[in-house]
Structures are given as C-alpha cells and as structure tokens.
Amino acid sequence: MNPDEPTLRETRLARLGWLLVAVGAALEVLRTVLNDTSLNSLLGMAVVSTVAGVAALLRAGRHL
C-alpha cells in the first residue's frame, strides 16, 4: 500500500467533513433568506454542523 494514498477512514472522514460544512452553510443561507429571528435554532445547528465538519476534516489529516 502506498503511504501517500489515503486510508478508507481518512477518505470517509474527509467526505463527512465536507458534507457537514455544506449542511452548515445551507442552514445559514436558509436562515438568512427567511430573515426570521425566531429561527435562531437554525443558526445553532449551522454552527454545530460547520464545527463538526471542520473537526472531521482536521481528523482526516493530510489528504484533503
């Protein structure tokens, strides 16, 4: 196995990370478009999703 090739775990973590970042961005866009302050829970979910995505990307390591 080539050491420069990502492992299956690293690949899955990177994919999960990008997915979570995209979900976080979509939630923030939805909150902005709806322009409703009662949707602050969307902001919380967007932040949590984005942070989880970035954490997954960082754990994926060098193969981003």
N, C-alpha and C. Protein backbone atom coordinates (compact mmCIF):
# COMPACT_ATOMS: atom_id res chain seq x y z
N MET A 1 0.84 -1.19 0.00
CA MET A 1 0.00 0.00 0.00
C MET A 1 0.88 1.25 0.00
N ASN A 2 0.58 2.15 -0.86
CA ASN A 2 1.32 3.39 -0.98
C ASN A 2 1.03 4.28 0.24
N PRO A 3 2.06 4.74 0.96
CA PRO A 3 1.81 5.57 2.15
C PRO A 3 1.19 6.93 1.82
N ASP A 4 1.29 7.34 0.57
CA ASP A 4 0.68 8.62 0.18
C ASP A 4 -0.80 8.50 -0.12
N GLU A 5 -1.29 7.27 -0.25
CA GLU A 5 -2.71 7.05 -0.52
C GLU A 5 -3.50 7.18 0.78
N PRO A 6 -4.63 7.87 0.73
CA PRO A 6 -5.44 7.98 1.96
C PRO A 6 -6.07 6.64 2.33
N THR A 7 -6.21 6.42 3.62
CA THR A 7 -6.90 5.21 4.06
C THR A 7 -8.39 5.41 3.86
N LEU A 8 -9.13 4.32 3.95
CA LEU A 8 -10.58 4.40 3.82
C LEU A 8 -11.17 5.30 4.90
N ARG A 9 -10.63 5.22 6.10
CA ARG A 9 -11.11 6.05 7.22
C ARG A 9 -10.89 7.53 6.92
N GLU A 10 -9.70 7.87 6.44
CA GLU A 10 -9.40 9.26 6.12
C GLU A 10 -10.31 9.77 5.01
N THR A 11 -10.56 8.95 4.01
CA THR A 11 -11.44 9.34 2.91
C THR A 11 -12.85 9.58 3.41
N ARG A 12 -13.35 8.68 4.25
CA ARG A 12 -14.71 8.84 4.78
C ARG A 12 -14.81 10.06 5.68
N LEU A 13 -13.81 10.29 6.51
CA LEU A 13 -13.83 11.47 7.38
C LEU A 13 -13.82 12.75 6.56
N ALA A 14 -13.03 12.78 5.49
CA ALA A 14 -12.99 13.97 4.65
C ALA A 14 -14.34 14.20 3.97
N ARG A 15 -14.95 13.14 3.47
CA ARG A 15 -16.27 13.29 2.84
C ARG A 15 -17.30 13.76 3.85
N LEU A 16 -17.30 13.17 5.04
CA LEU A 16 -18.22 13.59 6.09
C LEU A 16 -17.99 15.04 6.47
N GLY A 17 -16.74 15.43 6.55
CA GLY A 17 -16.41 16.82 6.89
C GLY A 17 -16.97 17.80 5.88
N TRP A 18 -16.74 17.51 4.60
CA TRP A 18 -17.25 18.42 3.56
C TRP A 18 -18.77 18.46 3.57
N LEU A 19 -19.40 17.31 3.81
CA LEU A 19 -20.86 17.26 3.87
C LEU A 19 -21.39 18.11 5.02
N LEU A 20 -20.78 18.00 6.19
CA LEU A 20 -21.23 18.77 7.35
C LEU A 20 -21.01 20.27 7.15
N VAL A 21 -19.90 20.63 6.54
CA VAL A 21 -19.66 22.05 6.25
C VAL A 21 -20.71 22.58 5.28
N ALA A 22 -21.04 21.79 4.26
CA ALA A 22 -22.06 22.20 3.29
C ALA A 22 -23.43 22.33 3.95
N VAL A 23 -23.77 21.40 4.83
CA VAL A 23 -25.05 21.48 5.55
C VAL A 23 -25.09 22.72 6.42
N GLY A 24 -24.01 23.01 7.11
CA GLY A 24 -23.95 24.21 7.93
C GLY A 24 -24.13 25.48 7.11
N ALA A 25 -23.48 25.53 5.96
CA ALA A 25 -23.63 26.70 5.09
C ALA A 25 -25.05 26.82 4.56
N ALA A 26 -25.65 25.70 4.19
CA ALA A 26 -27.02 25.73 3.68
C ALA A 26 -28.00 26.19 4.75
N LEU A 27 -27.82 25.75 5.98
CA LEU A 27 -28.69 26.20 7.07
C LEU A 27 -28.56 27.70 7.31
N GLU A 28 -27.35 28.20 7.23
CA GLU A 28 -27.15 29.64 7.42
C GLU A 28 -27.78 30.43 6.28
N VAL A 29 -27.65 29.94 5.06
CA VAL A 29 -28.28 30.62 3.91
C VAL A 29 -29.80 30.60 4.07
N LEU A 30 -30.35 29.47 4.48
CA LEU A 30 -31.79 29.37 4.69
C LEU A 30 -32.25 30.35 5.75
N ARG A 31 -31.51 30.45 6.84
CA ARG A 31 -31.87 31.39 7.91
C ARG A 31 -31.81 32.83 7.39
N THR A 32 -30.81 33.14 6.58
CA THR A 32 -30.66 34.49 6.05
C THR A 32 -31.78 34.81 5.06
N VAL A 33 -32.10 33.86 4.19
CA VAL A 33 -33.15 34.08 3.18
C VAL A 33 -34.50 34.28 3.86
N LEU A 34 -34.78 33.45 4.85
CA LEU A 34 -36.07 33.57 5.55
C LEU A 34 -36.12 34.82 6.42
N ASN A 35 -34.95 35.32 6.83
CA ASN A 35 -34.84 36.57 7.58
C ASN A 35 -35.80 36.59 8.77
N ASP A 36 -35.77 35.53 9.54
CA ASP A 36 -36.67 35.40 10.68
C ASP A 36 -35.84 35.16 11.93
N THR A 37 -35.93 36.09 12.88
CA THR A 37 -35.13 35.97 14.09
C THR A 37 -35.59 34.81 14.97
N SER A 38 -36.78 34.31 14.73
CA SER A 38 -37.23 33.17 15.53
C SER A 38 -36.55 31.87 15.09
N LEU A 39 -35.78 31.94 14.04
CA LEU A 39 -35.08 30.75 13.55
C LEU A 39 -33.64 30.68 14.07
N ASN A 40 -33.42 31.20 15.27
CA ASN A 40 -32.07 31.17 15.82
C ASN A 40 -31.57 29.75 16.04
N SER A 41 -32.48 28.79 16.15
CA SER A 41 -32.05 27.40 16.28
C SER A 41 -31.33 26.95 15.01
N LEU A 42 -31.73 27.52 13.86
CA LEU A 42 -31.02 27.20 12.61
C LEU A 42 -29.57 27.67 12.68
N LEU A 43 -29.37 28.83 13.29
CA LEU A 43 -28.01 29.34 13.43
C LEU A 43 -27.19 28.39 14.29
N GLY A 44 -27.79 27.93 15.38
CA GLY A 44 -27.08 26.99 16.25
C GLY A 44 -26.73 25.71 15.53
N MET A 45 -27.69 25.18 14.77
CA MET A 45 -27.43 23.95 14.02
C MET A 45 -26.37 24.18 12.96
N ALA A 46 -26.40 25.35 12.33
CA ALA A 46 -25.40 25.66 11.30
C ALA A 46 -24.01 25.71 11.90
N VAL A 47 -23.89 26.35 13.05
CA VAL A 47 -22.58 26.45 13.71
C VAL A 47 -22.08 25.07 14.13
N VAL A 48 -22.95 24.29 14.76
CA VAL A 48 -22.55 22.95 15.21
C VAL A 48 -22.15 22.09 14.01
N SER A 49 -22.92 22.15 12.94
CA SER A 49 -22.62 21.35 11.76
C SER A 49 -21.29 21.76 11.15
N THR A 50 -21.06 23.06 11.06
CA THR A 50 -19.81 23.55 10.47
C THR A 50 -18.61 23.16 11.32
N VAL A 51 -18.73 23.33 12.63
CA VAL A 51 -17.63 22.97 13.53
C VAL A 51 -17.35 21.47 13.46
N ALA A 52 -18.40 20.66 13.43
CA ALA A 52 -18.22 19.21 13.33
C ALA A 52 -17.55 18.85 12.00
N GLY A 53 -17.94 19.55 10.94
CA GLY A 53 -17.34 19.30 9.63
C GLY A 53 -15.87 19.64 9.60
N VAL A 54 -15.52 20.79 10.17
CA VAL A 54 -14.12 21.19 10.21
C VAL A 54 -13.31 20.22 11.07
N ALA A 55 -13.88 19.78 12.18
CA ALA A 55 -13.19 18.81 13.03
C ALA A 55 -12.95 17.50 12.27
N ALA A 56 -13.94 17.06 11.51
CA ALA A 56 -13.77 15.83 10.72
C ALA A 56 -12.70 16.01 9.66
N LEU A 57 -12.67 17.18 9.04
CA LEU A 57 -11.64 17.44 8.03
C LEU A 57 -10.25 17.45 8.65
N LEU A 58 -10.14 18.04 9.83
CA LEU A 58 -8.84 18.07 10.51
C LEU A 58 -8.40 16.66 10.91
N ARG A 59 -9.35 15.84 11.33
CA ARG A 59 -9.01 14.46 11.71
C ARG A 59 -8.65 13.62 10.48
N ALA A 60 -9.21 14.00 9.33
CA ALA A 60 -8.89 13.26 8.11
C ALA A 60 -7.41 13.42 7.77
N GLY A 61 -6.84 14.52 8.20
CA GLY A 61 -5.40 14.69 8.08
C GLY A 61 -4.95 15.26 6.76
N ARG A 62 -3.91 14.67 6.27
CA ARG A 62 -3.15 15.26 5.16
C ARG A 62 -3.81 15.10 3.81
N HIS A 63 -4.87 14.32 3.69
CA HIS A 63 -5.45 14.00 2.39
C HIS A 63 -6.70 14.83 2.10
N LEU A 64 -6.61 16.12 2.21
CA LEU A 64 -7.78 16.97 1.95
C LEU A 64 -7.79 17.46 0.53
